[in-house]
């Protein structure tokens, strides 16, 4: 993921996500809690996750004033026949759109990582 973020930031100077850090925290619920608590600006995942793995974290982020959107850019809805959330972004509303642009391009294969230096 870092290679995609680096490529995106280099192609879009002045992007909101000018400074970022990458951590492998594992649990999506934990990452959502960090965002809700202000310990992280945002998180995104390329993976497909079951709704029961994210529903509590989504509620916490939204109650804290954040936004959680899926790979299509829509707010997550639960109790659907298809229980997968395909890609997800959680952050404050302005940053969510920038992170979603990264997610969309990466999922579509349109964002090439930078060549090694």
PDB file of N, CA and C in Angstrom:
ATOM      1  N   UNK A   1       0.814  -1.180   0.000  1.00  0.00           N
ATOM      2  CA  UNK A   1       0.000   0.000   0.000  1.00  0.00           C
ATOM      3  C   UNK A   1       0.864   1.252   0.000  1.00  0.00           C
ATOM      4  N   UNK A   2       1.992   1.222   0.683  1.00  0.00           N
ATOM      5  CA  UNK A   2       2.838   2.404   0.742  1.00  0.00           C
ATOM      6  C   UNK A   2       3.258   2.869  -0.648  1.00  0.00           C
ATOM      7  N   UNK A   3       3.522   1.934  -1.552  1.00  0.00           N
ATOM      8  CA  UNK A   3       3.942   2.324  -2.896  1.00  0.00           C
ATOM      9  C   UNK A   3       2.827   3.074  -3.625  1.00  0.00           C
ATOM     10  N   UNK A   4       1.572   2.690  -3.404  1.00  0.00           N
ATOM     11  CA  UNK A   4       0.466   3.383  -4.041  1.00  0.00           C
ATOM     12  C   UNK A   4       0.278   4.777  -3.451  1.00  0.00           C
ATOM     13  N   UNK A   5       0.411   4.895  -2.123  1.00  0.00           N
ATOM     14  CA  UNK A   5       0.291   6.201  -1.482  1.00  0.00           C
ATOM     15  C   UNK A   5       1.401   7.136  -1.942  1.00  0.00           C
ATOM     16  N   UNK A   6       2.607   6.617  -2.005  1.00  0.00           N
ATOM     17  CA  UNK A   6       3.728   7.437  -2.451  1.00  0.00           C
ATOM     18  C   UNK A   6       3.514   7.918  -3.880  1.00  0.00           C
ATOM     19  N   UNK A   7       3.096   7.031  -4.768  1.00  0.00           N
ATOM     20  CA  UNK A   7       2.844   7.413  -6.150  1.00  0.00           C
ATOM     21  C   UNK A   7       1.746   8.462  -6.234  1.00  0.00           C
ATOM     22  N   UNK A   8       0.678   8.271  -5.483  1.00  0.00           N
ATOM     23  CA  UNK A   8      -0.439   9.226  -5.511  1.00  0.00           C
ATOM     24  C   UNK A   8       0.009  10.594  -5.003  1.00  0.00           C
ATOM     25  N   UNK A   9       0.706  10.619  -3.871  1.00  0.00           N
ATOM     26  CA  UNK A   9       1.143  11.891  -3.300  1.00  0.00           C
ATOM     27  C   UNK A   9       2.117  12.610  -4.218  1.00  0.00           C
ATOM     28  N   UNK A  10       2.991  11.879  -4.899  1.00  0.00           N
ATOM     29  CA  UNK A  10       3.936  12.509  -5.827  1.00  0.00           C
ATOM     30  C   UNK A  10       3.235  13.098  -7.042  1.00  0.00           C
ATOM     31  N   UNK A  11       2.134  12.496  -7.445  1.00  0.00           N
ATOM     32  CA  UNK A  11       1.390  12.991  -8.612  1.00  0.00           C
ATOM     33  C   UNK A  11       0.395  14.085  -8.256  1.00  0.00           C
ATOM     34  N   UNK A  12       0.129  14.271  -6.971  1.00  0.00           N
ATOM     35  CA  UNK A  12      -0.850  15.260  -6.524  1.00  0.00           C
ATOM     36  C   UNK A  12      -0.253  16.120  -5.413  1.00  0.00           C
ATOM     37  N   UNK A  13       0.647  17.041  -5.787  1.00  0.00           N
ATOM     38  CA  UNK A  13       1.272  17.882  -4.766  1.00  0.00           C
ATOM     39  C   UNK A  13       0.210  18.678  -4.003  1.00  0.00           C
ATOM     40  N   UNK A  14       0.421  18.858  -2.724  1.00  0.00           N
ATOM     41  CA  UNK A  14      -0.515  19.625  -1.913  1.00  0.00           C
ATOM     42  C   UNK A  14      -1.712  18.819  -1.445  1.00  0.00           C
ATOM     43  N   UNK A  15      -1.698  17.516  -1.688  1.00  0.00           N
ATOM     44  CA  UNK A  15      -2.784  16.665  -1.246  1.00  0.00           C
ATOM     45  C   UNK A  15      -2.875  16.703   0.267  1.00  0.00           C
ATOM     46  N   UNK A  16      -4.092  16.564   0.787  1.00  0.00           N
ATOM     47  CA  UNK A  16      -4.321  16.585   2.231  1.00  0.00           C
ATOM     48  C   UNK A  16      -3.427  15.599   2.952  1.00  0.00           C
ATOM     49  N   UNK A  17      -3.197  14.451   2.364  1.00  0.00           N
ATOM     50  CA  UNK A  17      -2.401  13.402   3.001  1.00  0.00           C
ATOM     51  C   UNK A  17      -0.918  13.593   2.724  1.00  0.00           C
ATOM     52  N   UNK A  18      -0.417  14.813   2.940  1.00  0.00           N
ATOM     53  CA  UNK A  18       0.975  15.109   2.627  1.00  0.00           C
ATOM     54  C   UNK A  18       1.941  14.349   3.526  1.00  0.00           C
ATOM     55  N   UNK A  19       1.519  14.041   4.730  1.00  0.00           N
ATOM     56  CA  UNK A  19       2.353  13.276   5.651  1.00  0.00           C
ATOM     57  C   UNK A  19       1.527  12.073   6.086  1.00  0.00           C
ATOM     58  N   UNK A  20       2.135  10.913   6.020  1.00  0.00           N
ATOM     59  CA  UNK A  20       1.413   9.711   6.434  1.00  0.00           C
ATOM     60  C   UNK A  20       2.389   8.731   7.052  1.00  0.00           C
ATOM     61  N   UNK A  21       1.832   7.817   7.782  1.00  0.00           N
ATOM     62  CA  UNK A  21       2.632   6.746   8.368  1.00  0.00           C
ATOM     63  C   UNK A  21       1.912   5.444   8.083  1.00  0.00           C
ATOM     64  N   UNK A  22       2.661   4.380   7.961  1.00  0.00           N
ATOM     65  CA  UNK A  22       2.071   3.078   7.680  1.00  0.00           C
ATOM     66  C   UNK A  22       2.400   2.134   8.818  1.00  0.00           C
ATOM     67  N   UNK A  23       1.367   1.539   9.339  1.00  0.00           N
ATOM     68  CA  UNK A  23       1.532   0.570  10.411  1.00  0.00           C
ATOM     69  C   UNK A  23       0.725  -0.665  10.076  1.00  0.00           C
ATOM     70  N   UNK A  24       1.229  -1.819  10.404  1.00  0.00           N
ATOM     71  CA  UNK A  24       0.479  -3.063  10.263  1.00  0.00           C
ATOM     72  C   UNK A  24      -0.139  -3.368  11.620  1.00  0.00           C
ATOM     73  N   UNK A  25      -1.380  -2.957  11.786  1.00  0.00           N
ATOM     74  CA  UNK A  25      -2.041  -3.123  13.071  1.00  0.00           C
ATOM     75  C   UNK A  25      -2.916  -4.359  13.116  1.00  0.00           C
ATOM     76  N   UNK A  26      -3.152  -4.973  11.974  1.00  0.00           N
ATOM     77  CA  UNK A  26      -3.950  -6.190  11.960  1.00  0.00           C
ATOM     78  C   UNK A  26      -5.438  -5.934  11.947  1.00  0.00           C
ATOM     79  N   UNK A  27      -6.040  -5.858  13.089  1.00  0.00           N
ATOM     80  CA  UNK A  27      -7.482  -5.790  13.232  1.00  0.00           C
ATOM     81  C   UNK A  27      -8.077  -4.510  12.655  1.00  0.00           C
ATOM     82  N   UNK A  28      -9.057  -4.659  11.775  1.00  0.00           N
ATOM     83  CA  UNK A  28      -9.748  -3.489  11.228  1.00  0.00           C
ATOM     84  C   UNK A  28     -10.536  -2.793  12.327  1.00  0.00           C
ATOM     85  N   UNK A  29     -11.091  -3.541  13.267  1.00  0.00           N
ATOM     86  CA  UNK A  29     -11.842  -2.937  14.367  1.00  0.00           C
ATOM     87  C   UNK A  29     -10.924  -2.030  15.198  1.00  0.00           C
ATOM     88  N   UNK A  30      -9.702  -2.476  15.443  1.00  0.00           N
ATOM     89  CA  UNK A  30      -8.750  -1.672  16.192  1.00  0.00           C
ATOM     90  C   UNK A  30      -8.394  -0.410  15.411  1.00  0.00           C
ATOM     91  N   UNK A  31      -8.164  -0.537  14.115  1.00  0.00           N
ATOM     92  CA  UNK A  31      -7.826   0.632  13.281  1.00  0.00           C
ATOM     93  C   UNK A  31      -8.976   1.633  13.265  1.00  0.00           C
ATOM     94  N   UNK A  32     -10.204   1.143  13.184  1.00  0.00           N
ATOM     95  CA  UNK A  32     -11.362   2.045  13.212  1.00  0.00           C
ATOM     96  C   UNK A  32     -11.456   2.764  14.559  1.00  0.00           C
ATOM     97  N   UNK A  33     -11.178   2.056  15.645  1.00  0.00           N
ATOM     98  CA  UNK A  33     -11.198   2.673  16.965  1.00  0.00           C
ATOM     99  C   UNK A  33     -10.130   3.759  17.086  1.00  0.00           C
ATOM    100  N   UNK A  34      -8.958   3.533  16.508  1.00  0.00           N
ATOM    101  CA  UNK A  34      -7.905   4.553  16.529  1.00  0.00           C
ATOM    102  C   UNK A  34      -8.345   5.809  15.784  1.00  0.00           C
ATOM    103  N   UNK A  35      -8.981   5.635  14.649  1.00  0.00           N
ATOM    104  CA  UNK A  35      -9.479   6.786  13.881  1.00  0.00           C
ATOM    105  C   UNK A  35     -10.541   7.525  14.699  1.00  0.00           C
ATOM    106  N   UNK A  36     -11.479   6.793  15.267  1.00  0.00           N
ATOM    107  CA  UNK A  36     -12.546   7.411  16.057  1.00  0.00           C
ATOM    108  C   UNK A  36     -11.994   8.179  17.248  1.00  0.00           C
ATOM    109  N   UNK A  37     -10.942   7.642  17.861  1.00  0.00           N
ATOM    110  CA  UNK A  37     -10.346   8.276  19.031  1.00  0.00           C
ATOM    111  C   UNK A  37      -9.360   9.374  18.707  1.00  0.00           C
ATOM    112  N   UNK A  38      -9.147   9.669  17.443  1.00  0.00           N
ATOM    113  CA  UNK A  38      -8.223  10.723  17.055  1.00  0.00           C
ATOM    114  C   UNK A  38      -6.769  10.300  17.059  1.00  0.00           C
ATOM    115  N   UNK A  39      -6.505   9.010  17.204  1.00  0.00           N
ATOM    116  CA  UNK A  39      -5.126   8.511  17.202  1.00  0.00           C
ATOM    117  C   UNK A  39      -4.600   8.271  15.797  1.00  0.00           C
ATOM    118  N   UNK A  40      -5.460   8.371  14.820  1.00  0.00           N
ATOM    119  CA  UNK A  40      -5.076   8.228  13.416  1.00  0.00           C
ATOM    120  C   UNK A  40      -5.980   9.108  12.581  1.00  0.00           C
ATOM    121  N   UNK A  41      -5.445   9.629  11.495  1.00  0.00           N
ATOM    122  CA  UNK A  41      -6.253  10.494  10.625  1.00  0.00           C
ATOM    123  C   UNK A  41      -7.209   9.699   9.760  1.00  0.00           C
ATOM    124  N   UNK A  42      -6.826   8.493   9.415  1.00  0.00           N
ATOM    125  CA  UNK A  42      -7.688   7.679   8.568  1.00  0.00           C
ATOM    126  C   UNK A  42      -7.088   6.313   8.351  1.00  0.00           C
ATOM    127  N   UNK A  43      -7.899   5.438   7.811  1.00  0.00           N
ATOM    128  CA  UNK A  43      -7.435   4.103   7.459  1.00  0.00           C
ATOM    129  C   UNK A  43      -8.160   3.671   6.195  1.00  0.00           C
ATOM    130  N   UNK A  44      -7.518   2.813   5.446  1.00  0.00           N
ATOM    131  CA  UNK A  44      -8.186   2.235   4.283  1.00  0.00           C
ATOM    132  C   UNK A  44      -7.746   0.800   4.148  1.00  0.00           C
ATOM    133  N   UNK A  45      -8.598   0.024   3.526  1.00  0.00           N
ATOM    134  CA  UNK A  45      -8.262  -1.370   3.260  1.00  0.00           C
ATOM    135  C   UNK A  45      -8.733  -1.741   1.875  1.00  0.00           C
ATOM    136  N   UNK A  46      -7.945  -2.565   1.219  1.00  0.00           N
ATOM    137  CA  UNK A  46      -8.294  -3.069  -0.109  1.00  0.00           C
ATOM    138  C   UNK A  46      -9.046  -4.387  -0.002  1.00  0.00           C
ATOM    139  N   UNK A  47      -9.020  -4.993   1.171  1.00  0.00           N
ATOM    140  CA  UNK A  47      -9.614  -6.315   1.359  1.00  0.00           C
ATOM    141  C   UNK A  47     -11.137  -6.260   1.398  1.00  0.00           C
ATOM    142  N   UNK A  48     -11.752  -7.391   1.096  1.00  0.00           N
ATOM    143  CA  UNK A  48     -13.186  -7.557   1.297  1.00  0.00           C
ATOM    144  C   UNK A  48     -13.384  -8.114   2.698  1.00  0.00           C
ATOM    145  N   UNK A  49     -14.199  -7.431   3.472  1.00  0.00           N
ATOM    146  CA  UNK A  49     -14.439  -7.813   4.860  1.00  0.00           C
ATOM    147  C   UNK A  49     -15.918  -8.084   5.067  1.00  0.00           C
ATOM    148  N   UNK A  50     -16.229  -8.977   5.977  1.00  0.00           N
ATOM    149  CA  UNK A  50     -17.628  -9.243   6.320  1.00  0.00           C
ATOM    150  C   UNK A  50     -18.152  -8.099   7.184  1.00  0.00           C
ATOM    151  N   UNK A  51     -19.422  -7.795   7.005  1.00  0.00           N
ATOM    152  CA  UNK A  51     -20.013  -6.663   7.722  1.00  0.00           C
ATOM    153  C   UNK A  51     -19.910  -6.815   9.238  1.00  0.00           C
ATOM    154  N   UNK A  52     -19.982  -8.036   9.742  1.00  0.00           N
ATOM    155  CA  UNK A  52     -19.914  -8.216  11.196  1.00  0.00           C
ATOM    156  C   UNK A  52     -18.527  -7.938  11.744  1.00  0.00           C
ATOM    157  N   UNK A  53     -17.523  -7.886  10.881  1.00  0.00           N
ATOM    158  CA  UNK A  53     -16.176  -7.552  11.330  1.00  0.00           C
ATOM    159  C   UNK A  53     -15.958  -6.042  11.454  1.00  0.00           C
ATOM    160  N   UNK A  54     -16.840  -5.253  10.849  1.00  0.00           N
ATOM    161  CA  UNK A  54     -16.633  -3.805  10.831  1.00  0.00           C
ATOM    162  C   UNK A  54     -17.779  -2.997  11.425  1.00  0.00           C
ATOM    163  N   UNK A  55     -18.937  -3.597  11.653  1.00  0.00           N
ATOM    164  CA  UNK A  55     -20.113  -2.805  12.028  1.00  0.00           C
ATOM    165  C   UNK A  55     -19.919  -2.010  13.322  1.00  0.00           C
ATOM    166  N   UNK A  56     -19.330  -2.593  14.344  1.00  0.00           N
ATOM    167  CA  UNK A  56     -19.130  -1.859  15.595  1.00  0.00           C
ATOM    168  C   UNK A  56     -18.145  -0.707  15.403  1.00  0.00           C
ATOM    169  N   UNK A  57     -17.053  -0.970  14.692  1.00  0.00           N
ATOM    170  CA  UNK A  57     -16.077   0.083  14.426  1.00  0.00           C
ATOM    171  C   UNK A  57     -16.652   1.215  13.597  1.00  0.00           C
ATOM    172  N   UNK A  58     -17.494   0.870  12.627  1.00  0.00           N
ATOM    173  CA  UNK A  58     -18.146   1.899  11.800  1.00  0.00           C
ATOM    174  C   UNK A  58     -19.025   2.782  12.682  1.00  0.00           C
ATOM    175  N   UNK A  59     -19.796   2.173  13.578  1.00  0.00           N
ATOM    176  CA  UNK A  59     -20.661   2.941  14.480  1.00  0.00           C
ATOM    177  C   UNK A  59     -19.842   3.884  15.355  1.00  0.00           C
ATOM    178  N   UNK A  60     -18.696   3.419  15.844  1.00  0.00           N
ATOM    179  CA  UNK A  60     -17.851   4.250  16.702  1.00  0.00           C
ATOM    180  C   UNK A  60     -17.281   5.430  15.917  1.00  0.00           C
ATOM    181  N   UNK A  61     -16.793   5.176  14.708  1.00  0.00           N
ATOM    182  CA  UNK A  61     -16.246   6.255  13.871  1.00  0.00           C
ATOM    183  C   UNK A  61     -17.328   7.287  13.572  1.00  0.00           C
ATOM    184  N   UNK A  62     -18.501   6.838  13.192  1.00  0.00           N
ATOM    185  CA  UNK A  62     -19.575   7.765  12.843  1.00  0.00           C
ATOM    186  C   UNK A  62     -20.034   8.575  14.056  1.00  0.00           C
ATOM    187  N   UNK A  63     -20.098   7.960  15.229  1.00  0.00           N
ATOM    188  CA  UNK A  63     -20.484   8.688  16.444  1.00  0.00           C
ATOM    189  C   UNK A  63     -19.439   9.732  16.823  1.00  0.00           C
ATOM    190  N   UNK A  64     -18.193   9.499  16.433  1.00  0.00           N
ATOM    191  CA  UNK A  64     -17.115  10.452  16.714  1.00  0.00           C
ATOM    192  C   UNK A  64     -17.051  11.566  15.670  1.00  0.00           C
ATOM    193  N   UNK A  65     -17.941  11.529  14.670  1.00  0.00           N
ATOM    194  CA  UNK A  65     -17.968  12.573  13.642  1.00  0.00           C
ATOM    195  C   UNK A  65     -17.239  12.214  12.370  1.00  0.00           C
ATOM    196  N   UNK A  66     -16.729  10.992  12.287  1.00  0.00           N
ATOM    197  CA  UNK A  66     -16.032  10.558  11.079  1.00  0.00           C
ATOM    198  C   UNK A  66     -16.997   9.966  10.068  1.00  0.00           C
ATOM    199  N   UNK A  67     -16.422   9.493   8.994  1.00  0.00           N
ATOM    200  CA  UNK A  67     -17.205   8.890   7.921  1.00  0.00           C
ATOM    201  C   UNK A  67     -16.519   7.601   7.490  1.00  0.00           C
ATOM    202  N   UNK A  68     -17.311   6.616   7.131  1.00  0.00           N
ATOM    203  CA  UNK A  68     -16.786   5.356   6.620  1.00  0.00           C
ATOM    204  C   UNK A  68     -17.504   5.087   5.300  1.00  0.00           C
ATOM    205  N   UNK A  69     -16.724   4.888   4.235  1.00  0.00           N
ATOM    206  CA  UNK A  69     -17.299   4.631   2.919  1.00  0.00           C
ATOM    207  C   UNK A  69     -16.683   3.375   2.322  1.00  0.00           C
ATOM    208  N   UNK A  70     -17.425   2.751   1.432  1.00  0.00           N
ATOM    209  CA  UNK A  70     -16.952   1.522   0.803  1.00  0.00           C
ATOM    210  C   UNK A  70     -16.161   1.829  -0.463  1.00  0.00           C
ATOM    211  N   UNK A  71     -15.772   0.807  -1.166  1.00  0.00           N
ATOM    212  CA  UNK A  71     -14.986   0.963  -2.387  1.00  0.00           C
ATOM    213  C   UNK A  71     -15.695   1.723  -3.491  1.00  0.00           C
ATOM    214  N   UNK A  72     -17.022   1.800  -3.400  1.00  0.00           N
ATOM    215  CA  UNK A  72     -17.811   2.550  -4.385  1.00  0.00           C
ATOM    216  C   UNK A  72     -18.018   4.004  -3.966  1.00  0.00           C
ATOM    217  N   UNK A  73     -17.549   4.358  -2.783  1.00  0.00           N
ATOM    218  CA  UNK A  73     -17.716   5.729  -2.300  1.00  0.00           C
ATOM    219  C   UNK A  73     -19.021   5.966  -1.563  1.00  0.00           C
ATOM    220  N   UNK A  74     -19.717   4.893  -1.231  1.00  0.00           N
ATOM    221  CA  UNK A  74     -21.003   4.997  -0.544  1.00  0.00           C
ATOM    222  C   UNK A  74     -20.833   4.665   0.937  1.00  0.00           C
ATOM    223  N   UNK A  75     -21.698   5.253   1.770  1.00  0.00           N
ATOM    224  CA  UNK A  75     -21.695   4.892   3.189  1.00  0.00           C
ATOM    225  C   UNK A  75     -22.078   3.430   3.323  1.00  0.00           C
ATOM    226  N   UNK A  76     -21.490   2.777   4.305  1.00  0.00           N
ATOM    227  CA  UNK A  76     -21.770   1.356   4.499  1.00  0.00           C
ATOM    228  C   UNK A  76     -23.180   1.142   5.026  1.00  0.00           C
ATOM    229  N   UNK A  77     -23.850   0.144   4.478  1.00  0.00           N
ATOM    230  CA  UNK A  77     -25.150  -0.285   4.988  1.00  0.00           C
ATOM    231  C   UNK A  77     -25.020  -1.752   5.368  1.00  0.00           C
ATOM    232  N   UNK A  78     -25.772  -2.143   6.366  1.00  0.00           N
ATOM    233  CA  UNK A  78     -25.647  -3.490   6.902  1.00  0.00           C
ATOM    234  C   UNK A  78     -26.949  -4.269   6.754  1.00  0.00           C
ATOM    235  N   UNK A  79     -26.864  -5.550   7.046  1.00  0.00           N
ATOM    236  CA  UNK A  79     -27.999  -6.473   6.962  1.00  0.00           C
ATOM    237  C   UNK A  79     -28.496  -6.634   5.526  1.00  0.00           C
ATOM    238  N   UNK A  80     -27.549  -6.696   4.615  1.00  0.00           N
ATOM    239  CA  UNK A  80     -27.863  -6.931   3.204  1.00  0.00           C
ATOM    240  C   UNK A  80     -27.642  -8.404   2.892  1.00  0.00           C
ATOM    241  N   UNK A  81     -28.144  -8.838   1.765  1.00  0.00           N
ATOM    242  CA  UNK A  81     -27.935 -10.223   1.337  1.00  0.00           C
ATOM    243  C   UNK A  81     -26.438 -10.488   1.139  1.00  0.00           C
ATOM    244  N   UNK A  82     -25.747  -9.562   0.483  1.00  0.00           N
ATOM    245  CA  UNK A  82     -24.298  -9.664   0.297  1.00  0.00           C
ATOM    246  C   UNK A  82     -23.629  -9.039   1.518  1.00  0.00           C
ATOM    247  N   UNK A  83     -22.985  -9.829   2.325  1.00  0.00           N
ATOM    248  CA  UNK A  83     -22.426  -9.345   3.594  1.00  0.00           C
ATOM    249  C   UNK A  83     -21.000  -8.812   3.484  1.00  0.00           C
ATOM    250  N   UNK A  84     -20.446  -8.762   2.274  1.00  0.00           N
ATOM    251  CA  UNK A  84     -19.083  -8.274   2.104  1.00  0.00           C
ATOM    252  C   UNK A  84     -19.051  -6.762   1.917  1.00  0.00           C
ATOM    253  N   UNK A  85     -18.062  -6.129   2.536  1.00  0.00           N
ATOM    254  CA  UNK A  85     -17.719  -4.734   2.287  1.00  0.00           C
ATOM    255  C   UNK A  85     -16.430  -4.795   1.474  1.00  0.00           C
ATOM    256  N   UNK A  86     -16.486  -4.357   0.231  1.00  0.00           N
ATOM    257  CA  UNK A  86     -15.331  -4.469  -0.665  1.00  0.00           C
ATOM    258  C   UNK A  86     -14.544  -3.164  -0.692  1.00  0.00           C
ATOM    259  N   UNK A  87     -13.480  -3.148   0.065  1.00  0.00           N
ATOM    260  CA  UNK A  87     -12.686  -1.938   0.210  1.00  0.00           C
ATOM    261  C   UNK A  87     -13.389  -0.991   1.165  1.00  0.00           C
ATOM    262  N   UNK A  88     -12.620  -0.227   1.915  1.00  0.00           N
ATOM    263  CA  UNK A  88     -13.219   0.660   2.892  1.00  0.00           C
ATOM    264  C   UNK A  88     -12.254   1.770   3.255  1.00  0.00           C
ATOM    265  N   UNK A  89     -12.813   2.956   3.491  1.00  0.00           N
ATOM    266  CA  UNK A  89     -12.062   4.126   3.934  1.00  0.00           C
ATOM    267  C   UNK A  89     -12.770   4.685   5.158  1.00  0.00           C
ATOM    268  N   UNK A  90     -12.026   5.035   6.184  1.00  0.00           N
ATOM    269  CA  UNK A  90     -12.580   5.681   7.375  1.00  0.00           C
ATOM    270  C   UNK A  90     -11.683   6.856   7.750  1.00  0.00           C
ATOM    271  N   UNK A  91     -12.282   8.022   7.956  1.00  0.00           N
ATOM    272  CA  UNK A  91     -11.533   9.209   8.363  1.00  0.00           C
ATOM    273  C   UNK A  91     -12.515  10.344   8.592  1.00  0.00           C
ATOM    274  N   UNK A  92     -11.977  11.564   8.678  1.00  0.00           N
ATOM    275  CA  UNK A  92     -12.858  12.722   8.710  1.00  0.00           C
ATOM    276  C   UNK A  92     -13.406  12.926   7.297  1.00  0.00           C
ATOM    277  N   UNK A  93     -14.547  13.594   7.131  1.00  0.00           N
ATOM    278  CA  UNK A  93     -15.161  13.697   5.796  1.00  0.00           C
ATOM    279  C   UNK A  93     -14.262  14.261   4.687  1.00  0.00           C
ATOM    280  N   UNK A  94     -13.520  15.356   4.900  1.00  0.00           N
ATOM    281  CA  UNK A  94     -12.684  15.853   3.792  1.00  0.00           C
ATOM    282  C   UNK A  94     -11.577  14.883   3.368  1.00  0.00           C
ATOM    283  N   UNK A  95     -10.929  14.250   4.327  1.00  0.00           N
ATOM    284  CA  UNK A  95      -9.851  13.321   4.006  1.00  0.00           C
ATOM    285  C   UNK A  95     -10.387  12.038   3.385  1.00  0.00           C
ATOM    286  N   UNK A  96     -11.598  11.656   3.729  1.00  0.00           N
ATOM    287  CA  UNK A  96     -12.180  10.413   3.206  1.00  0.00           C
ATOM    288  C   UNK A  96     -12.217  10.415   1.685  1.00  0.00           C
ATOM    289  N   UNK A  97     -12.537  11.523   1.075  1.00  0.00           N
ATOM    290  CA  UNK A  97     -12.608  11.583  -0.395  1.00  0.00           C
ATOM    291  C   UNK A  97     -11.223  11.430  -1.015  1.00  0.00           C
ATOM    292  N   UNK A  98     -10.206  12.008  -0.403  1.00  0.00           N
ATOM    293  CA  UNK A  98      -8.839  11.849  -0.922  1.00  0.00           C
ATOM    294  C   UNK A  98      -8.377  10.408  -0.789  1.00  0.00           C
ATOM    295  N   UNK A  99      -8.642   9.796   0.362  1.00  0.00           N
ATOM    296  CA  UNK A  99      -8.263   8.399   0.554  1.00  0.00           C
ATOM    297  C   UNK A  99      -9.052   7.490  -0.386  1.00  0.00           C
ATOM    298  N   UNK A 100     -10.320   7.821  -0.614  1.00  0.00           N
ATOM    299  CA  UNK A 100     -11.128   7.002  -1.519  1.00  0.00           C
ATOM    300  C   UNK A 100     -10.580   7.076  -2.940  1.00  0.00           C
ATOM    301  N   UNK A 101     -10.074   8.229  -3.354  1.00  0.00           N
ATOM    302  CA  UNK A 101      -9.478   8.350  -4.693  1.00  0.00           C
ATOM    303  C   UNK A 101      -8.285   7.407  -4.823  1.00  0.00           C
ATOM    304  N   UNK A 102      -7.473   7.292  -3.775  1.00  0.00           N
ATOM    305  CA  UNK A 102      -6.345   6.363  -3.781  1.00  0.00           C
ATOM    306  C   UNK A 102      -6.850   4.932  -3.884  1.00  0.00           C
ATOM    307  N   UNK A 103      -7.846   4.597  -3.070  1.00  0.00           N
ATOM    308  CA  UNK A 103      -8.407   3.250  -3.069  1.00  0.00           C
ATOM    309  C   UNK A 103      -8.973   2.889  -4.435  1.00  0.00           C
ATOM    310  N   UNK A 104      -9.741   3.789  -5.022  1.00  0.00           N
ATOM    311  CA  UNK A 104     -10.366   3.523  -6.317  1.00  0.00           C
ATOM    312  C   UNK A 104      -9.330   3.282  -7.402  1.00  0.00           C
ATOM    313  N   UNK A 105      -8.324   4.131  -7.465  1.00  0.00           N
ATOM    314  CA  UNK A 105      -7.295   3.980  -8.492  1.00  0.00           C
ATOM    315  C   UNK A 105      -6.480   2.703  -8.291  1.00  0.00           C
ATOM    316  N   UNK A 106      -6.183   2.404  -7.050  1.00  0.00           N
ATOM    317  CA  UNK A 106      -5.412   1.191  -6.778  1.00  0.00           C
ATOM    318  C   UNK A 106      -6.226  -0.057  -7.123  1.00  0.00           C
ATOM    319  N   UNK A 107      -7.509  -0.081  -6.764  1.00  0.00           N
ATOM    320  CA  UNK A 107      -8.345  -1.238  -7.066  1.00  0.00           C
ATOM    321  C   UNK A 107      -8.558  -1.412  -8.574  1.00  0.00           C
ATOM    322  N   UNK A 108      -8.583  -0.296  -9.282  1.00  0.00           N
ATOM    323  CA  UNK A 108      -8.760  -0.362 -10.726  1.00  0.00           C
ATOM    324  C   UNK A 108      -7.451  -0.644 -11.455  1.00  0.00           C
ATOM    325  N   UNK A 109      -6.336  -0.660 -10.720  1.00  0.00           N
ATOM    326  CA  UNK A 109      -5.037  -0.914 -11.330  1.00  0.00           C
ATOM    327  C   UNK A 109      -4.515   0.269 -12.126  1.00  0.00           C
ATOM    328  N   UNK A 110      -5.074   1.455 -11.899  1.00  0.00           N
ATOM    329  CA  UNK A 110      -4.670   2.637 -12.652  1.00  0.00           C
ATOM    330  C   UNK A 110      -3.571   3.430 -11.978  1.00  0.00           C
ATOM    331  N   UNK A 111      -3.267   3.070 -10.769  1.00  0.00           N
ATOM    332  CA  UNK A 111      -2.231   3.782 -10.043  1.00  0.00           C
ATOM    333  C   UNK A 111      -1.018   2.874  -9.960  1.00  0.00           C
ATOM    334  N   UNK A 112      -0.027   3.205 -10.710  1.00  0.00           N
ATOM    335  CA  UNK A 112       1.186   2.385 -10.752  1.00  0.00           C
ATOM    336  C   UNK A 112       2.132   2.819  -9.647  1.00  0.00           C
ATOM    337  N   UNK A 113       2.741   1.872  -8.969  1.00  0.00           N
ATOM    338  CA  UNK A 113       3.737   2.250  -7.973  1.00  0.00           C
ATOM    339  C   UNK A 113       4.923   2.922  -8.649  1.00  0.00           C
ATOM    340  N   UNK A 114       5.593   3.744  -7.889  1.00  0.00           N
ATOM    341  CA  UNK A 114       6.778   4.399  -8.427  1.00  0.00           C
ATOM    342  C   UNK A 114       7.871   3.378  -8.653  1.00  0.00           C
ATOM    343  N   UNK A 115       8.639   3.529  -9.721  1.00  0.00           N
ATOM    344  CA  UNK A 115       9.761   2.612  -9.939  1.00  0.00           C
ATOM    345  C   UNK A 115      10.804   2.785  -8.845  1.00  0.00           C
ATOM    346  N   UNK A 116      11.521   1.721  -8.508  1.00  0.00           N
ATOM    347  CA  UNK A 116      12.570   1.835  -7.481  1.00  0.00           C
ATOM    348  C   UNK A 116      13.638   2.819  -7.920  1.00  0.00           C
ATOM    349  N   UNK A 117      14.211   3.503  -6.962  1.00  0.00           N
ATOM    350  CA  UNK A 117      15.252   4.509  -7.268  1.00  0.00           C
ATOM    351  C   UNK A 117      16.612   3.925  -7.087  1.00  0.00           C
TER     352      UNK A 117
END
